[in-house]
Amino acid sequence: MLVYQDLLTGDELLSDSFPYKEIVNGILWEVEGKWVVQGAVDVDIGANPSAEGADEDEKVDDAAVKVVDIVDTFRLQEQPPFDKKQFVAYIKKYIKLLTPKLDAEKQEEFKKGVEGATKFLLSKLSDLQFFVGESMHDDSTIVFAYYKEGATDPTFLFFGHGLKEVKC
């Protein structure tokens, strides 16, 4: 199994069990998330607790909740939305922090493609949700989520250059 960690913080943000598609010249990775039900599942094992004298306090809490698989699996933490000025400031800071951590070839790819990726994200800014890894570090790679037209499940966007592949 492969896990993709944030190159800046080491937080796990993705794994190979979530296939991705490269978009915007490979700068962004697009991953389809899914809403899933987590919690109690009604299982009939044929026992009748009332006939067996079970007490009320022996019941389990059947509070089932809907979560997004990627957010739940990697414990992503939602952040407040950015306005255009804040977003551009974040991208500038991110480029400055990430670029020195990349090898020369990746630096060139990133520098060539990050402007197009930024424009793509800016075009969706009002529709984006923003997430960071579990550590909630200030210098984290941000994971973006939005709903494609007519979709009921979110689509996630990752800066591919900001992820480090680790074998588990």
N, C-alpha and C. Protein backbone atom coordinates (compact mmCIF):
# COMPACT_ATOMS: atom_id res chain seq x y z
N MET A 1 0.84 -1.18 0.00
CA MET A 1 0.00 0.00 0.00
C MET A 1 0.89 1.24 0.00
N LEU A 2 0.47 2.24 -0.76
CA LEU A 2 1.17 3.51 -0.80
C LEU A 2 0.34 4.57 -0.09
N VAL A 3 1.03 5.40 0.67
CA VAL A 3 0.41 6.53 1.34
C VAL A 3 1.10 7.77 0.82
N TYR A 4 0.33 8.83 0.64
CA TYR A 4 0.89 10.10 0.19
C TYR A 4 0.85 11.08 1.35
N GLN A 5 2.03 11.52 1.76
CA GLN A 5 2.16 12.43 2.89
C GLN A 5 2.39 13.85 2.39
N ASP A 6 1.94 14.80 3.20
CA ASP A 6 2.22 16.20 2.94
C ASP A 6 3.73 16.40 3.03
N LEU A 7 4.34 16.88 1.98
CA LEU A 7 5.78 17.08 1.92
C LEU A 7 6.25 18.09 2.97
N LEU A 8 5.37 19.00 3.38
CA LEU A 8 5.75 20.03 4.34
C LEU A 8 5.57 19.60 5.79
N THR A 9 4.55 18.78 6.08
CA THR A 9 4.26 18.44 7.48
C THR A 9 4.35 16.95 7.80
N GLY A 10 4.32 16.10 6.80
CA GLY A 10 4.33 14.66 7.03
C GLY A 10 2.96 14.07 7.29
N ASP A 11 1.92 14.89 7.34
CA ASP A 11 0.56 14.37 7.53
C ASP A 11 0.17 13.48 6.34
N GLU A 12 -0.50 12.37 6.63
CA GLU A 12 -1.01 11.52 5.56
C GLU A 12 -2.26 12.18 5.00
N LEU A 13 -2.28 12.37 3.67
CA LEU A 13 -3.40 13.04 3.03
C LEU A 13 -4.16 12.17 2.05
N LEU A 14 -3.54 11.06 1.61
CA LEU A 14 -4.14 10.25 0.56
C LEU A 14 -3.45 8.90 0.53
N SER A 15 -4.09 7.90 -0.07
CA SER A 15 -3.45 6.60 -0.29
C SER A 15 -3.83 6.09 -1.66
N ASP A 16 -3.15 5.03 -2.08
CA ASP A 16 -3.43 4.47 -3.41
C ASP A 16 -4.78 3.77 -3.49
N SER A 17 -5.49 3.65 -2.37
CA SER A 17 -6.83 3.08 -2.43
C SER A 17 -7.85 4.11 -2.96
N PHE A 18 -7.39 5.35 -3.13
CA PHE A 18 -8.20 6.40 -3.73
C PHE A 18 -7.52 6.81 -5.04
N PRO A 19 -7.94 6.25 -6.17
CA PRO A 19 -7.27 6.57 -7.43
C PRO A 19 -7.42 8.06 -7.79
N TYR A 20 -6.37 8.59 -8.39
CA TYR A 20 -6.40 10.00 -8.77
C TYR A 20 -6.20 10.15 -10.28
N LYS A 21 -6.60 11.31 -10.77
CA LYS A 21 -6.40 11.67 -12.16
C LYS A 21 -5.64 13.00 -12.15
N GLU A 22 -4.56 13.08 -12.93
CA GLU A 22 -3.80 14.31 -13.01
C GLU A 22 -4.53 15.30 -13.92
N ILE A 23 -4.67 16.54 -13.44
CA ILE A 23 -5.27 17.60 -14.25
C ILE A 23 -4.38 18.83 -14.20
N VAL A 24 -4.64 19.80 -15.01
CA VAL A 24 -3.88 21.04 -15.10
C VAL A 24 -2.38 20.73 -15.21
N ASN A 25 -2.02 20.02 -16.27
CA ASN A 25 -0.62 19.64 -16.56
C ASN A 25 0.03 18.84 -15.43
N GLY A 26 -0.75 18.06 -14.72
CA GLY A 26 -0.21 17.20 -13.67
C GLY A 26 0.05 17.90 -12.35
N ILE A 27 -0.24 19.18 -12.27
CA ILE A 27 0.01 19.92 -11.03
C ILE A 27 -1.02 19.53 -9.97
N LEU A 28 -2.27 19.39 -10.39
CA LEU A 28 -3.33 19.01 -9.46
C LEU A 28 -3.72 17.56 -9.67
N TRP A 29 -4.00 16.88 -8.58
CA TRP A 29 -4.55 15.53 -8.62
C TRP A 29 -6.01 15.63 -8.23
N GLU A 30 -6.87 15.00 -9.02
CA GLU A 30 -8.30 15.01 -8.75
C GLU A 30 -8.71 13.63 -8.24
N VAL A 31 -9.39 13.62 -7.11
CA VAL A 31 -9.80 12.37 -6.46
C VAL A 31 -11.28 12.46 -6.11
N GLU A 32 -12.02 11.43 -6.48
CA GLU A 32 -13.45 11.40 -6.17
C GLU A 32 -13.66 10.87 -4.76
N GLY A 33 -14.32 11.67 -3.93
CA GLY A 33 -14.69 11.23 -2.58
C GLY A 33 -16.09 10.64 -2.61
N LYS A 34 -16.47 10.04 -1.51
CA LYS A 34 -17.81 9.45 -1.40
C LYS A 34 -18.35 9.67 0.02
N TRP A 35 -19.63 9.98 0.08
CA TRP A 35 -20.30 10.01 1.38
C TRP A 35 -20.56 8.56 1.79
N VAL A 36 -20.21 8.23 3.03
CA VAL A 36 -20.44 6.88 3.55
C VAL A 36 -21.09 6.99 4.92
N VAL A 37 -21.84 5.95 5.28
CA VAL A 37 -22.47 5.91 6.59
C VAL A 37 -21.53 5.19 7.54
N GLN A 38 -21.30 5.82 8.67
CA GLN A 38 -20.40 5.25 9.66
C GLN A 38 -21.16 5.15 10.98
N GLY A 39 -20.97 4.07 11.68
CA GLY A 39 -21.64 3.91 12.96
C GLY A 39 -22.45 2.64 12.99
N ALA A 40 -23.56 2.71 13.67
CA ALA A 40 -24.38 1.53 13.91
C ALA A 40 -24.93 0.94 12.63
N VAL A 41 -24.90 -0.35 12.58
CA VAL A 41 -25.50 -1.09 11.48
C VAL A 41 -26.49 -2.06 12.12
N ASP A 42 -27.70 -2.09 11.61
CA ASP A 42 -28.72 -2.96 12.18
C ASP A 42 -28.44 -4.40 11.77
N VAL A 43 -28.03 -5.21 12.73
CA VAL A 43 -27.71 -6.60 12.46
C VAL A 43 -28.65 -7.48 13.29
N ASP A 44 -29.38 -8.34 12.62
CA ASP A 44 -30.28 -9.24 13.32
C ASP A 44 -29.58 -10.58 13.50
N ILE A 45 -29.22 -10.88 14.74
CA ILE A 45 -28.53 -12.14 15.00
C ILE A 45 -29.48 -13.20 15.55
N GLY A 46 -30.77 -12.89 15.52
CA GLY A 46 -31.76 -13.87 15.92
C GLY A 46 -32.04 -13.90 17.41
N ALA A 47 -31.35 -13.11 18.18
CA ALA A 47 -31.59 -13.09 19.63
C ALA A 47 -32.71 -12.10 19.93
N ASN A 48 -33.41 -12.34 21.00
CA ASN A 48 -34.47 -11.45 21.43
C ASN A 48 -34.13 -10.96 22.83
N PRO A 49 -33.47 -9.81 22.95
CA PRO A 49 -33.01 -9.34 24.25
C PRO A 49 -34.15 -9.17 25.25
N SER A 50 -35.34 -8.75 24.80
CA SER A 50 -36.43 -8.54 25.76
C SER A 50 -36.89 -9.88 26.34
N ALA A 51 -36.84 -10.93 25.56
CA ALA A 51 -37.24 -12.25 26.04
C ALA A 51 -36.17 -12.83 26.96
N GLU A 52 -34.96 -12.36 26.82
CA GLU A 52 -33.87 -12.88 27.64
C GLU A 52 -33.62 -12.01 28.87
N GLY A 53 -34.50 -11.04 29.09
CA GLY A 53 -34.40 -10.21 30.28
C GLY A 53 -33.29 -9.18 30.21
N ALA A 54 -32.94 -8.70 29.05
CA ALA A 54 -31.87 -7.70 28.92
C ALA A 54 -32.33 -6.37 29.48
N ASP A 55 -31.42 -5.68 30.10
CA ASP A 55 -31.70 -4.36 30.64
C ASP A 55 -31.61 -3.32 29.54
N GLU A 56 -32.29 -2.20 29.76
CA GLU A 56 -32.25 -1.11 28.78
C GLU A 56 -30.84 -0.55 28.61
N ASP A 57 -30.04 -0.53 29.69
CA ASP A 57 -28.71 0.07 29.59
C ASP A 57 -27.71 -0.79 28.83
N GLU A 58 -28.12 -1.96 28.40
CA GLU A 58 -27.24 -2.81 27.60
C GLU A 58 -27.31 -2.47 26.11
N LYS A 59 -28.22 -1.61 25.72
CA LYS A 59 -28.37 -1.26 24.32
C LYS A 59 -27.17 -0.43 23.85
N VAL A 60 -26.85 -0.59 22.58
CA VAL A 60 -25.76 0.20 22.01
C VAL A 60 -26.32 1.48 21.41
N ASP A 61 -25.50 2.48 21.29
CA ASP A 61 -25.88 3.74 20.67
C ASP A 61 -25.91 3.54 19.17
N ASP A 62 -27.10 3.70 18.55
CA ASP A 62 -27.13 3.50 17.11
C ASP A 62 -27.10 4.80 16.34
N ALA A 63 -26.31 5.73 16.78
CA ALA A 63 -26.17 6.99 16.05
C ALA A 63 -25.24 6.78 14.86
N ALA A 64 -25.84 6.66 13.70
CA ALA A 64 -25.06 6.52 12.48
C ALA A 64 -24.86 7.92 11.90
N VAL A 65 -23.67 8.17 11.39
CA VAL A 65 -23.38 9.47 10.80
C VAL A 65 -22.85 9.29 9.39
N LYS A 66 -23.12 10.30 8.56
CA LYS A 66 -22.57 10.30 7.20
C LYS A 66 -21.29 11.11 7.21
N VAL A 67 -20.24 10.54 6.64
CA VAL A 67 -18.95 11.21 6.55
C VAL A 67 -18.42 11.05 5.13
N VAL A 68 -17.51 11.91 4.76
CA VAL A 68 -16.84 11.77 3.47
C VAL A 68 -15.62 10.89 3.70
N ASP A 69 -15.49 9.83 2.89
CA ASP A 69 -14.45 8.83 3.11
C ASP A 69 -13.05 9.41 3.24
N ILE A 70 -12.64 10.30 2.36
CA ILE A 70 -11.28 10.86 2.39
C ILE A 70 -11.08 11.71 3.64
N VAL A 71 -12.05 12.53 3.98
CA VAL A 71 -11.95 13.39 5.16
C VAL A 71 -11.83 12.53 6.41
N ASP A 72 -12.65 11.50 6.51
CA ASP A 72 -12.65 10.63 7.68
C ASP A 72 -11.38 9.77 7.76
N THR A 73 -11.00 9.15 6.66
CA THR A 73 -9.84 8.26 6.65
C THR A 73 -8.56 8.96 7.04
N PHE A 74 -8.36 10.18 6.54
CA PHE A 74 -7.10 10.89 6.78
C PHE A 74 -7.24 12.00 7.81
N ARG A 75 -8.37 12.02 8.52
CA ARG A 75 -8.62 12.97 9.59
C ARG A 75 -8.35 14.42 9.15
N LEU A 76 -8.83 14.73 7.94
CA LEU A 76 -8.64 16.08 7.43
C LEU A 76 -9.48 17.06 8.25
N GLN A 77 -8.93 18.24 8.44
CA GLN A 77 -9.59 19.26 9.25
C GLN A 77 -10.02 20.41 8.35
N GLU A 78 -11.33 20.69 8.37
CA GLU A 78 -11.82 21.77 7.51
C GLU A 78 -11.37 23.12 8.05
N GLN A 79 -11.03 24.00 7.12
CA GLN A 79 -10.57 25.34 7.43
C GLN A 79 -11.59 26.36 6.93
N PRO A 80 -11.56 27.57 7.48
CA PRO A 80 -12.47 28.60 6.97
C PRO A 80 -12.14 28.92 5.51
N PRO A 81 -13.14 29.37 4.75
CA PRO A 81 -12.89 29.69 3.34
C PRO A 81 -11.96 30.89 3.20
N PHE A 82 -11.29 30.96 2.06
CA PHE A 82 -10.41 32.08 1.72
C PHE A 82 -11.14 33.02 0.77
N ASP A 83 -10.85 34.32 0.91
CA ASP A 83 -11.25 35.22 -0.16
C ASP A 83 -10.08 35.24 -1.15
N LYS A 84 -10.24 35.96 -2.25
CA LYS A 84 -9.23 35.94 -3.31
C LYS A 84 -7.86 36.41 -2.80
N LYS A 85 -7.85 37.47 -2.03
CA LYS A 85 -6.58 38.03 -1.52
C LYS A 85 -5.88 37.02 -0.60
N GLN A 86 -6.63 36.41 0.30
CA GLN A 86 -6.06 35.41 1.22
C GLN A 86 -5.54 34.20 0.45
N PHE A 87 -6.29 33.79 -0.57
CA PHE A 87 -5.90 32.62 -1.35
C PHE A 87 -4.59 32.87 -2.09
N VAL A 88 -4.49 34.01 -2.74
CA VAL A 88 -3.27 34.35 -3.48
C VAL A 88 -2.08 34.43 -2.51
N ALA A 89 -2.29 35.00 -1.32
CA ALA A 89 -1.22 35.07 -0.32
C ALA A 89 -0.80 33.66 0.11
N TYR A 90 -1.78 32.77 0.31
CA TYR A 90 -1.45 31.38 0.67
C TYR A 90 -0.63 30.72 -0.43
N ILE A 91 -1.05 30.86 -1.69
CA ILE A 91 -0.35 30.22 -2.81
C ILE A 91 1.09 30.73 -2.89
N LYS A 92 1.29 32.02 -2.74
CA LYS A 92 2.65 32.58 -2.79
C LYS A 92 3.52 31.96 -1.68
N LYS A 93 2.96 31.87 -0.49
CA LYS A 93 3.69 31.30 0.64
C LYS A 93 3.97 29.81 0.39
N TYR A 94 2.97 29.11 -0.14
CA TYR A 94 3.10 27.68 -0.41
C TYR A 94 4.20 27.42 -1.43
N ILE A 95 4.23 28.20 -2.50
CA ILE A 95 5.26 28.05 -3.53
C ILE A 95 6.64 28.25 -2.91
N LYS A 96 6.75 29.27 -2.08
CA LYS A 96 8.03 29.59 -1.42
C LYS A 96 8.50 28.46 -0.49
N LEU A 97 7.55 27.83 0.21
CA LEU A 97 7.89 26.74 1.14
C LEU A 97 8.15 25.42 0.41
N LEU A 98 7.37 25.14 -0.63
CA LEU A 98 7.45 23.85 -1.29
C LEU A 98 8.63 23.75 -2.26
N THR A 99 8.87 24.77 -3.03
CA THR A 99 9.88 24.71 -4.09
C THR A 99 11.24 24.19 -3.62
N PRO A 100 11.80 24.68 -2.50
CA PRO A 100 13.11 24.16 -2.09
C PRO A 100 13.11 22.68 -1.70
N LYS A 101 11.96 22.12 -1.42
CA LYS A 101 11.87 20.71 -1.03
C LYS A 101 11.81 19.77 -2.23
N LEU A 102 11.67 20.33 -3.43
CA LEU A 102 11.57 19.53 -4.65
C LEU A 102 12.93 19.43 -5.33
N ASP A 103 13.14 18.30 -6.05
CA ASP A 103 14.38 18.20 -6.83
C ASP A 103 14.26 19.15 -8.03
N ALA A 104 15.37 19.38 -8.73
CA ALA A 104 15.43 20.38 -9.79
C ALA A 104 14.37 20.17 -10.88
N GLU A 105 14.20 18.92 -11.30
CA GLU A 105 13.21 18.62 -12.35
C GLU A 105 11.80 18.95 -11.89
N LYS A 106 11.47 18.54 -10.67
CA LYS A 106 10.13 18.80 -10.12
C LYS A 106 9.91 20.30 -9.89
N GLN A 107 10.99 21.01 -9.49
CA GLN A 107 10.87 22.46 -9.30
C GLN A 107 10.44 23.13 -10.60
N GLU A 108 11.07 22.73 -11.71
CA GLU A 108 10.73 23.32 -13.01
C GLU A 108 9.29 23.01 -13.39
N GLU A 109 8.87 21.75 -13.23
CA GLU A 109 7.48 21.37 -13.53
C GLU A 109 6.51 22.20 -12.71
N PHE A 110 6.80 22.31 -11.43
CA PHE A 110 5.91 23.02 -10.51
C PHE A 110 5.83 24.50 -10.88
N LYS A 111 6.98 25.11 -11.12
CA LYS A 111 7.01 26.54 -11.47
C LYS A 111 6.24 26.81 -12.77
N LYS A 112 6.37 25.89 -13.74
CA LYS A 112 5.67 26.06 -15.03
C LYS A 112 4.16 25.89 -14.88
N GLY A 113 3.74 25.00 -14.02
CA GLY A 113 2.32 24.66 -13.94
C GLY A 113 1.52 25.31 -12.84
N VAL A 114 2.19 25.88 -11.83
CA VAL A 114 1.44 26.37 -10.67
C VAL A 114 0.56 27.56 -11.01
N GLU A 115 0.94 28.37 -11.98
CA GLU A 115 0.11 29.51 -12.35
C GLU A 115 -1.22 29.04 -12.93
N GLY A 116 -1.17 28.04 -13.81
CA GLY A 116 -2.40 27.49 -14.38
C GLY A 116 -3.28 26.85 -13.32
N ALA A 117 -2.65 26.15 -12.38
CA ALA A 117 -3.40 25.52 -11.29
C ALA A 117 -4.05 26.57 -10.41
N THR A 118 -3.32 27.65 -10.15
CA THR A 118 -3.86 28.74 -9.33
C THR A 118 -5.07 29.37 -10.02
N LYS A 119 -4.98 29.61 -11.32
CA LYS A 119 -6.10 30.18 -12.06
C LYS A 119 -7.31 29.23 -12.03
N PHE A 120 -7.04 27.94 -12.19
CA PHE A 120 -8.11 26.94 -12.13
C PHE A 120 -8.81 26.99 -10.77
N LEU A 121 -8.02 27.01 -9.69
CA LEU A 121 -8.59 27.05 -8.34
C LEU A 121 -9.32 28.36 -8.08
N LEU A 122 -8.75 29.48 -8.55
CA LEU A 122 -9.41 30.78 -8.37
C LEU A 122 -10.77 30.81 -9.06
N SER A 123 -10.89 30.12 -10.19
CA SER A 123 -12.17 30.10 -10.91
C SER A 123 -13.25 29.35 -10.12
N LYS A 124 -12.84 28.53 -9.17
CA LYS A 124 -13.78 27.75 -8.36
C LYS A 124 -13.80 28.21 -6.90
N LEU A 125 -13.11 29.30 -6.59
CA LEU A 125 -12.87 29.69 -5.20
C LEU A 125 -14.14 29.73 -4.35
N SER A 126 -15.22 30.27 -4.86
CA SER A 126 -16.45 30.39 -4.06
C SER A 126 -17.10 29.03 -3.80
N ASP A 127 -16.72 28.00 -4.57
CA ASP A 127 -17.30 26.66 -4.40
C ASP A 127 -16.41 25.72 -3.59
N LEU A 128 -15.20 26.15 -3.27
CA LEU A 128 -14.23 25.26 -2.63
C LEU A 128 -14.41 25.19 -1.12
N GLN A 129 -14.14 23.99 -0.60
CA GLN A 129 -13.94 23.78 0.83
C GLN A 129 -12.44 23.55 0.98
N PHE A 130 -11.90 23.93 2.13
CA PHE A 130 -10.47 23.84 2.37
C PHE A 130 -10.19 22.94 3.55
N PHE A 131 -9.24 22.03 3.38
CA PHE A 131 -8.87 21.08 4.43
C PHE A 131 -7.36 21.05 4.58
N VAL A 132 -6.92 20.76 5.82
CA VAL A 132 -5.51 20.49 6.08
C VAL A 132 -5.42 19.16 6.80
N GLY A 133 -4.21 18.65 6.93
CA GLY A 133 -3.99 17.38 7.60
C GLY A 133 -4.26 17.46 9.09
N GLU A 134 -4.13 16.32 9.71
CA GLU A 134 -4.47 16.17 11.13
C GLU A 134 -3.70 17.12 12.04
N SER A 135 -2.45 17.44 11.71
CA SER A 135 -1.65 18.30 12.59
C SER A 135 -2.12 19.75 12.58
N MET A 136 -2.88 20.13 11.56
CA MET A 136 -3.40 21.49 11.41
C MET A 136 -2.27 22.53 11.42
N HIS A 137 -1.12 22.15 10.92
CA HIS A 137 0.03 23.05 10.89
C HIS A 137 -0.23 24.22 9.95
N ASP A 138 0.25 25.40 10.32
CA ASP A 138 0.04 26.61 9.51
C ASP A 138 0.60 26.49 8.09
N ASP A 139 1.68 25.74 7.94
CA ASP A 139 2.34 25.64 6.64
C ASP A 139 1.95 24.38 5.88
N SER A 140 0.79 23.85 6.17
CA SER A 140 0.33 22.61 5.53
C SER A 140 -0.05 22.83 4.08
N THR A 141 0.01 21.74 3.34
CA THR A 141 -0.59 21.71 2.02
C THR A 141 -2.10 21.71 2.22
N ILE A 142 -2.79 22.52 1.47
CA ILE A 142 -4.25 22.56 1.58
C ILE A 142 -4.85 21.59 0.56
N VAL A 143 -5.85 20.87 1.01
CA VAL A 143 -6.62 19.98 0.15
C VAL A 143 -7.93 20.72 -0.14
N PHE A 144 -8.31 20.76 -1.40
CA PHE A 144 -9.50 21.48 -1.82
C PHE A 144 -10.59 20.48 -2.18
N ALA A 145 -11.84 20.83 -1.88
CA ALA A 145 -12.96 19.97 -2.24
C ALA A 145 -14.07 20.84 -2.82
N TYR A 146 -14.78 20.28 -3.79
CA TYR A 146 -15.93 20.96 -4.37
C TYR A 146 -16.85 19.91 -4.97
N TYR A 147 -18.04 20.33 -5.31
CA TYR A 147 -19.01 19.44 -5.94
C TYR A 147 -19.14 19.81 -7.40
N LYS A 148 -18.85 18.84 -8.26
CA LYS A 148 -19.04 19.05 -9.69
C LYS A 148 -20.54 19.22 -9.94
N GLU A 149 -20.86 19.87 -11.03
CA GLU A 149 -22.26 20.13 -11.34
C GLU A 149 -23.08 18.84 -11.33
N GLY A 150 -24.11 18.82 -10.49
CA GLY A 150 -25.00 17.67 -10.40
C GLY A 150 -24.49 16.53 -9.53
N ALA A 151 -23.29 16.65 -9.00
CA ALA A 151 -22.71 15.56 -8.21
C ALA A 151 -23.23 15.59 -6.77
N THR A 152 -23.36 14.41 -6.18
CA THR A 152 -23.76 14.32 -4.77
C THR A 152 -22.56 14.02 -3.88
N ASP A 153 -21.45 13.61 -4.48
CA ASP A 153 -20.21 13.33 -3.75
C ASP A 153 -19.17 14.37 -4.12
N PRO A 154 -18.30 14.74 -3.17
CA PRO A 154 -17.31 15.77 -3.44
C PRO A 154 -16.13 15.25 -4.26
N THR A 155 -15.50 16.18 -4.96
CA THR A 155 -14.25 15.93 -5.68
C THR A 155 -13.16 16.68 -4.94
N PHE A 156 -12.04 16.01 -4.70
CA PHE A 156 -10.92 16.60 -3.98
C PHE A 156 -9.78 16.92 -4.94
N LEU A 157 -9.09 18.01 -4.65
CA LEU A 157 -7.94 18.44 -5.44
C LEU A 157 -6.73 18.56 -4.53
N PHE A 158 -5.64 17.96 -4.97
CA PHE A 158 -4.37 17.97 -4.23
C PHE A 158 -3.28 18.53 -5.14
N PHE A 159 -2.34 19.28 -4.58
CA PHE A 159 -1.15 19.63 -5.33
C PHE A 159 -0.27 18.38 -5.33
N GLY A 160 -0.16 17.71 -6.47
CA GLY A 160 0.61 16.47 -6.56
C GLY A 160 2.06 16.64 -6.15
N HIS A 161 2.65 17.79 -6.45
CA HIS A 161 4.05 18.03 -6.11
C HIS A 161 4.24 18.19 -4.60
N GLY A 162 3.17 18.46 -3.89
CA GLY A 162 3.24 18.64 -2.44
C GLY A 162 3.07 17.35 -1.66
N LEU A 163 3.01 16.22 -2.39
CA LEU A 163 2.83 14.93 -1.74
C LEU A 163 4.06 14.05 -1.93
N LYS A 164 4.38 13.32 -0.88
CA LYS A 164 5.51 12.39 -0.91
C LYS A 164 4.96 10.98 -0.77
N GLU A 165 5.39 10.09 -1.70
CA GLU A 165 4.92 8.71 -1.71
C GLU A 165 5.71 7.90 -0.68
N VAL A 166 4.98 7.18 0.18
CA VAL A 166 5.60 6.35 1.21
C VAL A 166 4.97 4.97 1.15
N LYS A 167 5.81 3.93 1.07
CA LYS A 167 5.29 2.56 1.06
C LYS A 167 5.05 2.10 2.50
N CYS A 168 3.91 1.46 2.69
CA CYS A 168 3.56 0.94 4.02
C CYS A 168 3.69 -0.57 4.05
